[in-house]
PDB file of N, CA and C in Angstrom:
ATOM      1  N   UNK A   1     -19.195  16.093  54.413  1.00  0.00           N
ATOM      2  CA  UNK A   1     -18.423  16.723  53.357  1.00  0.00           C
ATOM      3  C   UNK A   1     -17.220  15.922  53.054  1.00  0.00           C
ATOM      4  N   UNK A   2     -16.786  15.909  51.819  1.00  0.00           N
ATOM      5  CA  UNK A   2     -15.586  15.176  51.414  1.00  0.00           C
ATOM      6  C   UNK A   2     -14.359  16.106  51.461  1.00  0.00           C
ATOM      7  N   UNK A   3     -13.253  15.524  51.877  1.00  0.00           N
ATOM      8  CA  UNK A   3     -11.977  16.246  51.889  1.00  0.00           C
ATOM      9  C   UNK A   3     -10.904  15.384  51.276  1.00  0.00           C
ATOM     10  N   UNK A   4      -9.997  15.940  50.610  1.00  0.00           N
ATOM     11  CA  UNK A   4      -8.782  15.323  50.109  1.00  0.00           C
ATOM     12  C   UNK A   4      -7.641  15.610  51.086  1.00  0.00           C
ATOM     13  N   UNK A   5      -6.954  14.545  51.524  1.00  0.00           N
ATOM     14  CA  UNK A   5      -5.770  14.696  52.308  1.00  0.00           C
ATOM     15  C   UNK A   5      -4.638  14.344  51.321  1.00  0.00           C
ATOM     16  N   UNK A   6      -3.912  15.362  50.960  1.00  0.00           N
ATOM     17  CA  UNK A   6      -2.818  15.210  49.951  1.00  0.00           C
ATOM     18  C   UNK A   6      -1.488  15.148  50.652  1.00  0.00           C
ATOM     19  N   UNK A   7      -0.762  14.029  50.416  1.00  0.00           N
ATOM     20  CA  UNK A   7       0.461  13.738  51.122  1.00  0.00           C
ATOM     21  C   UNK A   7       1.663  14.086  50.258  1.00  0.00           C
ATOM     22  N   UNK A   8       2.466  15.022  50.771  1.00  0.00           N
ATOM     23  CA  UNK A   8       3.690  15.480  50.030  1.00  0.00           C
ATOM     24  C   UNK A   8       4.881  15.120  50.859  1.00  0.00           C
ATOM     25  N   UNK A   9       5.909  14.608  50.194  1.00  0.00           N
ATOM     26  CA  UNK A   9       7.167  14.334  50.883  1.00  0.00           C
ATOM     27  C   UNK A   9       8.335  14.461  49.851  1.00  0.00           C
ATOM     28  N   UNK A  10       9.482  14.806  50.357  1.00  0.00           N
ATOM     29  CA  UNK A  10      10.666  14.760  49.531  1.00  0.00           C
ATOM     30  C   UNK A  10      10.866  13.379  48.913  1.00  0.00           C
ATOM     31  N   UNK A  11      10.992  13.296  47.604  1.00  0.00           N
ATOM     32  CA  UNK A  11      11.055  11.972  46.957  1.00  0.00           C
ATOM     33  C   UNK A  11      12.390  11.262  47.298  1.00  0.00           C
ATOM     34  N   UNK A  12      13.414  11.958  47.646  1.00  0.00           N
ATOM     35  CA  UNK A  12      14.685  11.294  47.837  1.00  0.00           C
ATOM     36  C   UNK A  12      14.727  10.519  49.182  1.00  0.00           C
ATOM     37  N   UNK A  13      13.669  10.614  49.999  1.00  0.00           N
ATOM     38  CA  UNK A  13      13.609   9.880  51.233  1.00  0.00           C
ATOM     39  C   UNK A  13      13.636   8.367  51.058  1.00  0.00           C
ATOM     40  N   UNK A  14      13.276   7.916  49.852  1.00  0.00           N
ATOM     41  CA  UNK A  14      13.161   6.450  49.587  1.00  0.00           C
ATOM     42  C   UNK A  14      14.434   5.802  49.118  1.00  0.00           C
ATOM     43  N   UNK A  15      15.488   6.597  48.942  1.00  0.00           N
ATOM     44  CA  UNK A  15      16.734   6.065  48.346  1.00  0.00           C
ATOM     45  C   UNK A  15      17.626   5.314  49.363  1.00  0.00           C
ATOM     46  N   UNK A  16      18.293   4.329  48.872  1.00  0.00           N
ATOM     47  CA  UNK A  16      19.185   3.573  49.672  1.00  0.00           C
ATOM     48  C   UNK A  16      18.477   2.618  50.608  1.00  0.00           C
ATOM     49  N   UNK A  17      19.249   1.759  51.290  1.00  0.00           N
ATOM     50  CA  UNK A  17      18.681   0.815  52.275  1.00  0.00           C
ATOM     51  C   UNK A  17      17.923   1.477  53.390  1.00  0.00           C
ATOM     52  N   UNK A  18      18.428   2.543  53.922  1.00  0.00           N
ATOM     53  CA  UNK A  18      17.708   3.218  55.013  1.00  0.00           C
ATOM     54  C   UNK A  18      16.400   3.823  54.483  1.00  0.00           C
ATOM     55  N   UNK A  19      16.440   4.387  53.299  1.00  0.00           N
ATOM     56  CA  UNK A  19      15.230   4.918  52.685  1.00  0.00           C
ATOM     57  C   UNK A  19      14.167   3.900  52.432  1.00  0.00           C
ATOM     58  N   UNK A  20      14.621   2.732  51.972  1.00  0.00           N
ATOM     59  CA  UNK A  20      13.640   1.675  51.700  1.00  0.00           C
ATOM     60  C   UNK A  20      13.029   1.120  53.020  1.00  0.00           C
ATOM     61  N   UNK A  21      13.813   1.021  54.064  1.00  0.00           N
ATOM     62  CA  UNK A  21      13.307   0.653  55.390  1.00  0.00           C
ATOM     63  C   UNK A  21      12.314   1.687  55.881  1.00  0.00           C
ATOM     64  N   UNK A  22      12.627   2.942  55.720  1.00  0.00           N
ATOM     65  CA  UNK A  22      11.721   4.040  56.121  1.00  0.00           C
ATOM     66  C   UNK A  22      10.416   3.922  55.335  1.00  0.00           C
ATOM     67  N   UNK A  23      10.517   3.661  54.008  1.00  0.00           N
ATOM     68  CA  UNK A  23       9.343   3.505  53.171  1.00  0.00           C
ATOM     69  C   UNK A  23       8.436   2.365  53.669  1.00  0.00           C
ATOM     70  N   UNK A  24       9.024   1.260  53.967  1.00  0.00           N
ATOM     71  CA  UNK A  24       8.260   0.110  54.439  1.00  0.00           C
ATOM     72  C   UNK A  24       7.595   0.386  55.782  1.00  0.00           C
ATOM     73  N   UNK A  25       8.243   1.171  56.657  1.00  0.00           N
ATOM     74  CA  UNK A  25       7.710   1.516  57.977  1.00  0.00           C
ATOM     75  C   UNK A  25       6.533   2.477  57.740  1.00  0.00           C
ATOM     76  N   UNK A  26       6.709   3.514  56.930  1.00  0.00           N
ATOM     77  CA  UNK A  26       5.667   4.491  56.746  1.00  0.00           C
ATOM     78  C   UNK A  26       4.418   3.856  55.970  1.00  0.00           C
ATOM     79  N   UNK A  27       4.707   2.918  55.057  1.00  0.00           N
ATOM     80  CA  UNK A  27       3.645   2.235  54.361  1.00  0.00           C
ATOM     81  C   UNK A  27       2.761   1.454  55.338  1.00  0.00           C
ATOM     82  N   UNK A  28       3.405   0.798  56.240  1.00  0.00           N
ATOM     83  CA  UNK A  28       2.642   0.019  57.319  1.00  0.00           C
ATOM     84  C   UNK A  28       1.807   0.957  58.157  1.00  0.00           C
ATOM     85  N   UNK A  29       2.390   2.113  58.478  1.00  0.00           N
ATOM     86  CA  UNK A  29       1.596   3.099  59.254  1.00  0.00           C
ATOM     87  C   UNK A  29       0.401   3.650  58.429  1.00  0.00           C
ATOM     88  N   UNK A  30       0.576   3.877  57.160  1.00  0.00           N
ATOM     89  CA  UNK A  30      -0.467   4.293  56.270  1.00  0.00           C
ATOM     90  C   UNK A  30      -1.601   3.257  56.243  1.00  0.00           C
ATOM     91  N   UNK A  31      -1.266   1.994  56.085  1.00  0.00           N
ATOM     92  CA  UNK A  31      -2.208   0.898  56.099  1.00  0.00           C
ATOM     93  C   UNK A  31      -3.031   0.899  57.388  1.00  0.00           C
ATOM     94  N   UNK A  32      -2.376   1.088  58.522  1.00  0.00           N
ATOM     95  CA  UNK A  32      -3.043   1.141  59.811  1.00  0.00           C
ATOM     96  C   UNK A  32      -4.018   2.352  59.870  1.00  0.00           C
ATOM     97  N   UNK A  33      -3.554   3.430  59.379  1.00  0.00           N
ATOM     98  CA  UNK A  33      -4.497   4.608  59.370  1.00  0.00           C
ATOM     99  C   UNK A  33      -5.663   4.391  58.446  1.00  0.00           C
ATOM    100  N   UNK A  34      -5.430   3.832  57.273  1.00  0.00           N
ATOM    101  CA  UNK A  34      -6.533   3.531  56.346  1.00  0.00           C
ATOM    102  C   UNK A  34      -7.548   2.576  56.943  1.00  0.00           C
ATOM    103  N   UNK A  35      -7.088   1.606  57.770  1.00  0.00           N
ATOM    104  CA  UNK A  35      -7.993   0.683  58.414  1.00  0.00           C
ATOM    105  C   UNK A  35      -8.783   1.420  59.456  1.00  0.00           C
ATOM    106  N   UNK A  36      -8.174   2.374  60.283  1.00  0.00           N
ATOM    107  CA  UNK A  36      -8.856   3.071  61.251  1.00  0.00           C
ATOM    108  C   UNK A  36      -9.896   4.026  60.607  1.00  0.00           C
ATOM    109  N   UNK A  37      -9.565   4.693  59.503  1.00  0.00           N
ATOM    110  CA  UNK A  37     -10.466   5.516  58.826  1.00  0.00           C
ATOM    111  C   UNK A  37     -11.665   4.719  58.271  1.00  0.00           C
ATOM    112  N   UNK A  38     -11.404   3.568  57.741  1.00  0.00           N
ATOM    113  CA  UNK A  38     -12.447   2.685  57.209  1.00  0.00           C
ATOM    114  C   UNK A  38     -13.407   2.271  58.313  1.00  0.00           C
ATOM    115  N   UNK A  39     -12.854   1.838  59.502  1.00  0.00           N
ATOM    116  CA  UNK A  39     -13.628   1.436  60.606  1.00  0.00           C
ATOM    117  C   UNK A  39     -14.530   2.551  61.144  1.00  0.00           C
ATOM    118  N   UNK A  40     -13.997   3.782  61.018  1.00  0.00           N
ATOM    119  CA  UNK A  40     -14.746   4.930  61.529  1.00  0.00           C
ATOM    120  C   UNK A  40     -15.780   5.508  60.455  1.00  0.00           C
ATOM    121  N   UNK A  41     -15.730   4.869  59.249  1.00  0.00           N
ATOM    122  CA  UNK A  41     -16.653   5.307  58.214  1.00  0.00           C
ATOM    123  C   UNK A  41     -16.220   6.557  57.463  1.00  0.00           C
ATOM    124  N   UNK A  42     -14.934   6.942  57.649  1.00  0.00           N
ATOM    125  CA  UNK A  42     -14.453   8.133  57.045  1.00  0.00           C
ATOM    126  C   UNK A  42     -13.777   7.917  55.670  1.00  0.00           C
ATOM    127  N   UNK A  43     -13.148   6.751  55.467  1.00  0.00           N
ATOM    128  CA  UNK A  43     -12.384   6.428  54.296  1.00  0.00           C
ATOM    129  C   UNK A  43     -13.299   6.270  53.120  1.00  0.00           C
ATOM    130  N   UNK A  44     -13.038   7.022  52.076  1.00  0.00           N
ATOM    131  CA  UNK A  44     -13.753   6.912  50.782  1.00  0.00           C
ATOM    132  C   UNK A  44     -12.831   6.228  49.731  1.00  0.00           C
ATOM    133  N   UNK A  45     -11.604   6.643  49.660  1.00  0.00           N
ATOM    134  CA  UNK A  45     -10.615   6.121  48.719  1.00  0.00           C
ATOM    135  C   UNK A  45      -9.226   6.611  49.191  1.00  0.00           C
ATOM    136  N   UNK A  46      -8.223   6.029  48.603  1.00  0.00           N
ATOM    137  CA  UNK A  46      -6.882   6.458  48.899  1.00  0.00           C
ATOM    138  C   UNK A  46      -5.894   5.593  48.163  1.00  0.00           C
ATOM    139  N   UNK A  47      -4.707   6.107  47.909  1.00  0.00           N
ATOM    140  CA  UNK A  47      -3.691   5.383  47.184  1.00  0.00           C
ATOM    141  C   UNK A  47      -2.369   6.114  47.272  1.00  0.00           C
ATOM    142  N   UNK A  48      -1.329   5.366  47.161  1.00  0.00           N
ATOM    143  CA  UNK A  48       0.018   6.002  46.996  1.00  0.00           C
ATOM    144  C   UNK A  48       0.203   6.188  45.477  1.00  0.00           C
ATOM    145  N   UNK A  49       1.087   7.021  45.092  1.00  0.00           N
ATOM    146  CA  UNK A  49       1.359   7.292  43.697  1.00  0.00           C
ATOM    147  C   UNK A  49       2.787   6.842  43.335  1.00  0.00           C
ATOM    148  N   UNK A  50       2.956   6.529  42.067  1.00  0.00           N
ATOM    149  CA  UNK A  50       4.291   6.110  41.537  1.00  0.00           C
ATOM    150  C   UNK A  50       5.152   7.364  41.610  1.00  0.00           C
ATOM    151  N   UNK A  51       6.501   7.151  41.540  1.00  0.00           N
ATOM    152  CA  UNK A  51       7.423   8.315  41.580  1.00  0.00           C
ATOM    153  C   UNK A  51       7.136   9.318  40.533  1.00  0.00           C
ATOM    154  N   UNK A  52       7.558  10.555  40.862  1.00  0.00           N
ATOM    155  CA  UNK A  52       7.272  11.697  39.988  1.00  0.00           C
ATOM    156  C   UNK A  52       7.913  11.495  38.627  1.00  0.00           C
ATOM    157  N   UNK A  53       8.984  10.723  38.486  1.00  0.00           N
ATOM    158  CA  UNK A  53       9.621  10.477  37.222  1.00  0.00           C
ATOM    159  C   UNK A  53       8.675   9.743  36.242  1.00  0.00           C
ATOM    160  N   UNK A  54       7.615   9.053  36.744  1.00  0.00           N
ATOM    161  CA  UNK A  54       6.695   8.365  35.884  1.00  0.00           C
ATOM    162  C   UNK A  54       5.573   9.263  35.412  1.00  0.00           C
ATOM    163  N   UNK A  55       5.544  10.558  35.870  1.00  0.00           N
ATOM    164  CA  UNK A  55       4.418  11.439  35.542  1.00  0.00           C
ATOM    165  C   UNK A  55       4.522  11.975  34.128  1.00  0.00           C
ATOM    166  N   UNK A  56       3.355  12.287  33.563  1.00  0.00           N
ATOM    167  CA  UNK A  56       3.258  13.004  32.296  1.00  0.00           C
ATOM    168  C   UNK A  56       2.418  14.224  32.525  1.00  0.00           C
ATOM    169  N   UNK A  57       2.877  15.360  32.009  1.00  0.00           N
ATOM    170  CA  UNK A  57       2.111  16.600  32.246  1.00  0.00           C
ATOM    171  C   UNK A  57       1.520  17.044  30.933  1.00  0.00           C
ATOM    172  N   UNK A  58       0.247  17.407  30.949  1.00  0.00           N
ATOM    173  CA  UNK A  58      -0.389  18.002  29.774  1.00  0.00           C
ATOM    174  C   UNK A  58      -0.770  19.419  30.135  1.00  0.00           C
ATOM    175  N   UNK A  59      -0.239  20.297  29.351  1.00  0.00           N
ATOM    176  CA  UNK A  59      -0.496  21.757  29.597  1.00  0.00           C
ATOM    177  C   UNK A  59      -1.352  22.291  28.435  1.00  0.00           C
ATOM    178  N   UNK A  60      -2.274  23.174  28.760  1.00  0.00           N
ATOM    179  CA  UNK A  60      -3.086  23.809  27.792  1.00  0.00           C
ATOM    180  C   UNK A  60      -2.627  25.231  27.589  1.00  0.00           C
ATOM    181  N   UNK A  61      -2.333  25.599  26.323  1.00  0.00           N
ATOM    182  CA  UNK A  61      -1.950  26.982  25.982  1.00  0.00           C
ATOM    183  C   UNK A  61      -2.993  27.561  25.121  1.00  0.00           C
ATOM    184  N   UNK A  62      -2.844  28.829  24.742  1.00  0.00           N
ATOM    185  CA  UNK A  62      -3.793  29.483  23.862  1.00  0.00           C
ATOM    186  C   UNK A  62      -3.918  28.789  22.498  1.00  0.00           C
ATOM    187  N   UNK A  63      -2.873  28.099  22.114  1.00  0.00           N
ATOM    188  CA  UNK A  63      -2.943  27.410  20.781  1.00  0.00           C
ATOM    189  C   UNK A  63      -3.363  25.976  20.879  1.00  0.00           C
ATOM    190  N   UNK A  64      -3.673  25.503  22.070  1.00  0.00           N
ATOM    191  CA  UNK A  64      -4.106  24.065  22.220  1.00  0.00           C
ATOM    192  C   UNK A  64      -3.384  23.327  23.259  1.00  0.00           C
ATOM    193  N   UNK A  65      -3.524  22.002  23.249  1.00  0.00           N
ATOM    194  CA  UNK A  65      -2.804  21.206  24.246  1.00  0.00           C
ATOM    195  C   UNK A  65      -1.429  20.702  23.709  1.00  0.00           C
ATOM    196  N   UNK A  66      -0.494  20.727  24.606  1.00  0.00           N
ATOM    197  CA  UNK A  66       0.821  20.227  24.325  1.00  0.00           C
ATOM    198  C   UNK A  66       1.149  19.113  25.333  1.00  0.00           C
ATOM    199  N   UNK A  67       1.531  17.958  24.833  1.00  0.00           N
ATOM    200  CA  UNK A  67       1.828  16.804  25.723  1.00  0.00           C
ATOM    201  C   UNK A  67       3.309  16.876  26.039  1.00  0.00           C
ATOM    202  N   UNK A  68       3.605  16.863  27.312  1.00  0.00           N
ATOM    203  CA  UNK A  68       5.003  16.788  27.799  1.00  0.00           C
ATOM    204  C   UNK A  68       5.234  15.376  28.340  1.00  0.00           C
ATOM    205  N   UNK A  69       6.423  14.876  28.121  1.00  0.00           N
ATOM    206  CA  UNK A  69       6.678  13.486  28.507  1.00  0.00           C
ATOM    207  C   UNK A  69       7.299  13.351  29.876  1.00  0.00           C
ATOM    208  N   UNK A  70       7.226  14.311  30.695  1.00  0.00           N
ATOM    209  CA  UNK A  70       7.842  14.184  32.001  1.00  0.00           C
ATOM    210  C   UNK A  70       7.242  15.183  32.959  1.00  0.00           C
ATOM    211  N   UNK A  71       7.650  15.048  34.250  1.00  0.00           N
ATOM    212  CA  UNK A  71       7.146  15.964  35.262  1.00  0.00           C
ATOM    213  C   UNK A  71       7.874  17.306  35.142  1.00  0.00           C
ATOM    214  N   UNK A  72       7.136  18.367  35.388  1.00  0.00           N
ATOM    215  CA  UNK A  72       7.779  19.699  35.296  1.00  0.00           C
ATOM    216  C   UNK A  72       7.456  20.497  36.543  1.00  0.00           C
ATOM    217  N   UNK A  73       7.003  19.853  37.588  1.00  0.00           N
ATOM    218  CA  UNK A  73       6.759  20.590  38.829  1.00  0.00           C
ATOM    219  C   UNK A  73       8.097  21.059  39.375  1.00  0.00           C
ATOM    220  N   UNK A  74       8.161  22.293  39.703  1.00  0.00           N
ATOM    221  CA  UNK A  74       9.370  22.885  40.264  1.00  0.00           C
ATOM    222  C   UNK A  74       9.248  22.952  41.786  1.00  0.00           C
ATOM    223  N   UNK A  75       9.425  21.823  42.420  1.00  0.00           N
ATOM    224  CA  UNK A  75       9.236  21.743  43.879  1.00  0.00           C
ATOM    225  C   UNK A  75      10.170  20.710  44.433  1.00  0.00           C
ATOM    226  N   UNK A  76      10.431  20.829  45.750  1.00  0.00           N
ATOM    227  CA  UNK A  76      11.308  19.812  46.424  1.00  0.00           C
ATOM    228  C   UNK A  76      10.447  18.668  46.901  1.00  0.00           C
ATOM    229  N   UNK A  77       9.189  18.881  46.979  1.00  0.00           N
ATOM    230  CA  UNK A  77       8.272  17.829  47.447  1.00  0.00           C
ATOM    231  C   UNK A  77       7.486  17.254  46.248  1.00  0.00           C
ATOM    232  N   UNK A  78       7.037  16.034  46.348  1.00  0.00           N
ATOM    233  CA  UNK A  78       6.172  15.513  45.319  1.00  0.00           C
ATOM    234  C   UNK A  78       4.914  14.947  45.993  1.00  0.00           C
ATOM    235  N   UNK A  79       3.852  14.929  45.236  1.00  0.00           N
ATOM    236  CA  UNK A  79       2.593  14.321  45.702  1.00  0.00           C
ATOM    237  C   UNK A  79       2.755  12.834  45.710  1.00  0.00           C
ATOM    238  N   UNK A  80       2.849  12.265  46.917  1.00  0.00           N
ATOM    239  CA  UNK A  80       3.089  10.866  47.047  1.00  0.00           C
ATOM    240  C   UNK A  80       1.867   9.998  47.198  1.00  0.00           C
ATOM    241  N   UNK A  81       0.781  10.574  47.577  1.00  0.00           N
ATOM    242  CA  UNK A  81      -0.450   9.814  47.720  1.00  0.00           C
ATOM    243  C   UNK A  81      -1.585  10.689  48.230  1.00  0.00           C
ATOM    244  N   UNK A  82      -2.742  10.100  48.452  1.00  0.00           N
ATOM    245  CA  UNK A  82      -3.868  10.835  48.868  1.00  0.00           C
ATOM    246  C   UNK A  82      -4.869   9.922  49.637  1.00  0.00           C
ATOM    247  N   UNK A  83      -5.697  10.577  50.404  1.00  0.00           N
ATOM    248  CA  UNK A  83      -6.865   9.958  51.014  1.00  0.00           C
ATOM    249  C   UNK A  83      -8.045  10.829  50.635  1.00  0.00           C
ATOM    250  N   UNK A  84      -9.156  10.215  50.272  1.00  0.00           N
ATOM    251  CA  UNK A  84     -10.439  10.886  50.092  1.00  0.00           C
ATOM    252  C   UNK A  84     -11.259  10.482  51.288  1.00  0.00           C
ATOM    253  N   UNK A  85     -11.641  11.399  52.087  1.00  0.00           N
ATOM    254  CA  UNK A  85     -12.370  11.074  53.346  1.00  0.00           C
ATOM    255  C   UNK A  85     -13.696  11.788  53.401  1.00  0.00           C
ATOM    256  N   UNK A  86     -14.549  11.294  54.222  1.00  0.00           N
ATOM    257  CA  UNK A  86     -15.840  11.959  54.574  1.00  0.00           C
ATOM    258  C   UNK A  86     -15.676  12.423  56.015  1.00  0.00           C
ATOM    259  N   UNK A  87     -15.901  13.720  56.258  1.00  0.00           N
ATOM    260  CA  UNK A  87     -15.831  14.279  57.602  1.00  0.00           C
ATOM    261  C   UNK A  87     -16.899  15.327  57.746  1.00  0.00           C
ATOM    262  N   UNK A  88     -17.395  15.493  58.977  1.00  0.00           N
ATOM    263  CA  UNK A  88     -18.488  16.452  59.190  1.00  0.00           C
ATOM    264  C   UNK A  88     -18.071  17.880  58.977  1.00  0.00           C
ATOM    265  N   UNK A  89     -16.741  18.175  59.247  1.00  0.00           N
ATOM    266  CA  UNK A  89     -16.292  19.554  59.052  1.00  0.00           C
ATOM    267  C   UNK A  89     -14.749  19.548  58.918  1.00  0.00           C
ATOM    268  N   UNK A  90     -14.215  20.775  58.779  1.00  0.00           N
ATOM    269  CA  UNK A  90     -12.797  20.860  58.539  1.00  0.00           C
ATOM    270  C   UNK A  90     -11.999  20.423  59.805  1.00  0.00           C
ATOM    271  N   UNK A  91     -12.481  20.724  60.975  1.00  0.00           N
ATOM    272  CA  UNK A  91     -11.832  20.316  62.190  1.00  0.00           C
ATOM    273  C   UNK A  91     -11.613  18.797  62.261  1.00  0.00           C
ATOM    274  N   UNK A  92     -12.656  18.074  61.877  1.00  0.00           N
ATOM    275  CA  UNK A  92     -12.624  16.576  61.840  1.00  0.00           C
ATOM    276  C   UNK A  92     -11.638  16.119  60.807  1.00  0.00           C
ATOM    277  N   UNK A  93     -11.606  16.756  59.668  1.00  0.00           N
ATOM    278  CA  UNK A  93     -10.650  16.411  58.567  1.00  0.00           C
ATOM    279  C   UNK A  93      -9.234  16.600  59.010  1.00  0.00           C
ATOM    280  N   UNK A  94      -9.005  17.737  59.694  1.00  0.00           N
ATOM    281  CA  UNK A  94      -7.640  18.042  60.263  1.00  0.00           C
ATOM    282  C   UNK A  94      -7.267  17.032  61.282  1.00  0.00           C
ATOM    283  N   UNK A  95      -8.206  16.571  62.049  1.00  0.00           N
ATOM    284  CA  UNK A  95      -7.932  15.544  63.060  1.00  0.00           C
ATOM    285  C   UNK A  95      -7.330  14.295  62.365  1.00  0.00           C
ATOM    286  N   UNK A  96      -7.967  13.875  61.279  1.00  0.00           N
ATOM    287  CA  UNK A  96      -7.453  12.729  60.531  1.00  0.00           C
ATOM    288  C   UNK A  96      -6.055  13.039  59.929  1.00  0.00           C
ATOM    289  N   UNK A  97      -5.977  14.264  59.351  1.00  0.00           N
ATOM    290  CA  UNK A  97      -4.710  14.634  58.677  1.00  0.00           C
ATOM    291  C   UNK A  97      -3.544  14.622  59.673  1.00  0.00           C
ATOM    292  N   UNK A  98      -3.784  14.999  60.910  1.00  0.00           N
ATOM    293  CA  UNK A  98      -2.695  14.949  61.937  1.00  0.00           C
ATOM    294  C   UNK A  98      -2.204  13.557  62.212  1.00  0.00           C
ATOM    295  N   UNK A  99      -3.030  12.532  61.806  1.00  0.00           N
ATOM    296  CA  UNK A  99      -2.608  11.150  62.042  1.00  0.00           C
ATOM    297  C   UNK A  99      -1.892  10.524  60.782  1.00  0.00           C
ATOM    298  N   UNK A 100      -1.895  11.299  59.705  1.00  0.00           N
ATOM    299  CA  UNK A 100      -1.178  10.778  58.506  1.00  0.00           C
ATOM    300  C   UNK A 100       0.290  10.695  58.803  1.00  0.00           C
ATOM    301  N   UNK A 101       0.917   9.569  58.573  1.00  0.00           N
ATOM    302  CA  UNK A 101       2.372   9.399  58.844  1.00  0.00           C
ATOM    303  C   UNK A 101       3.143  10.204  57.764  1.00  0.00           C
ATOM    304  N   UNK A 102       3.812  11.244  58.247  1.00  0.00           N
ATOM    305  CA  UNK A 102       4.562  12.135  57.342  1.00  0.00           C
ATOM    306  C   UNK A 102       6.060  12.091  57.818  1.00  0.00           C
ATOM    307  N   UNK A 103       6.925  11.784  56.855  1.00  0.00           N
ATOM    308  CA  UNK A 103       8.343  11.761  57.216  1.00  0.00           C
ATOM    309  C   UNK A 103       8.888  13.190  57.223  1.00  0.00           C
ATOM    310  N   UNK A 104      10.124  13.408  57.775  1.00  0.00           N
ATOM    311  CA  UNK A 104      10.665  14.732  57.893  1.00  0.00           C
ATOM    312  C   UNK A 104      10.724  15.434  56.518  1.00  0.00           C
ATOM    313  N   UNK A 105      10.251  16.695  56.528  1.00  0.00           N
ATOM    314  CA  UNK A 105      10.225  17.466  55.308  1.00  0.00           C
ATOM    315  C   UNK A 105       8.920  17.353  54.548  1.00  0.00           C
ATOM    316  N   UNK A 106       8.027  16.529  55.011  1.00  0.00           N
ATOM    317  CA  UNK A 106       6.764  16.360  54.285  1.00  0.00           C
ATOM    318  C   UNK A 106       5.615  17.144  54.885  1.00  0.00           C
ATOM    319  N   UNK A 107       4.447  17.048  54.238  1.00  0.00           N
ATOM    320  CA  UNK A 107       3.258  17.741  54.717  1.00  0.00           C
ATOM    321  C   UNK A 107       2.013  17.045  54.209  1.00  0.00           C
ATOM    322  N   UNK A 108       0.860  17.397  54.846  1.00  0.00           N
ATOM    323  CA  UNK A 108      -0.371  16.818  54.450  1.00  0.00           C
ATOM    324  C   UNK A 108      -1.307  18.041  54.248  1.00  0.00           C
ATOM    325  N   UNK A 109      -1.737  18.260  53.006  1.00  0.00           N
ATOM    326  CA  UNK A 109      -2.666  19.367  52.665  1.00  0.00           C
ATOM    327  C   UNK A 109      -4.067  18.814  52.846  1.00  0.00           C
ATOM    328  N   UNK A 110      -4.940  19.588  53.506  1.00  0.00           N
ATOM    329  CA  UNK A 110      -6.376  19.232  53.640  1.00  0.00           C
ATOM    330  C   UNK A 110      -7.132  20.173  52.764  1.00  0.00           C
ATOM    331  N   UNK A 111      -7.882  19.599  51.832  1.00  0.00           N
ATOM    332  CA  UNK A 111      -8.658  20.436  50.938  1.00  0.00           C
ATOM    333  C   UNK A 111     -10.082  19.959  50.711  1.00  0.00           C
ATOM    334  N   UNK A 112     -11.042  20.778  50.941  1.00  0.00           N
ATOM    335  CA  UNK A 112     -12.432  20.359  50.696  1.00  0.00           C
ATOM    336  C   UNK A 112     -12.645  20.027  49.189  1.00  0.00           C
ATOM    337  N   UNK A 113     -13.459  18.976  48.968  1.00  0.00           N
ATOM    338  CA  UNK A 113     -13.795  18.628  47.584  1.00  0.00           C
ATOM    339  C   UNK A 113     -14.914  19.579  47.158  1.00  0.00           C
ATOM    340  N   UNK A 114     -14.791  20.203  45.991  1.00  0.00           N
ATOM    341  CA  UNK A 114     -15.826  21.093  45.464  1.00  0.00           C
ATOM    342  C   UNK A 114     -17.050  20.320  45.050  1.00  0.00           C
ATOM    343  N   UNK A 115     -18.207  20.890  45.282  1.00  0.00           N
ATOM    344  CA  UNK A 115     -19.431  20.292  44.841  1.00  0.00           C
ATOM    345  C   UNK A 115     -20.114  21.390  43.991  1.00  0.00           C
ATOM    346  N   UNK A 116     -20.594  20.975  42.835  1.00  0.00           N
ATOM    347  CA  UNK A 116     -21.276  21.887  41.909  1.00  0.00           C
ATOM    348  C   UNK A 116     -22.709  21.521  41.689  1.00  0.00           C
TER     349      UNK A 116
END
């Protein structure tokens, strides 16, 4: 079964020299995890995402689609990246999620991919 591991973190963690050093450290840890997942046959895809300020939101209303030119998520965290993995069950997916490097204030959501 496929699962998405959605990585959320406060975006302001990357600011300043300390933030950039933290970003480089966590990026290296993500690369190591991706390698381990690949070697185990679990890794399907994954990527980091550009900052939330680069996002565009399209909302659908009763009158049609309206294009918005910026992010409108009202949250302290942003979706910073994802992994798409293959795992035999939720417990195995959670085991991988527990290895995702998350900085203080962040989280990793584990969600099964829907099949229709």
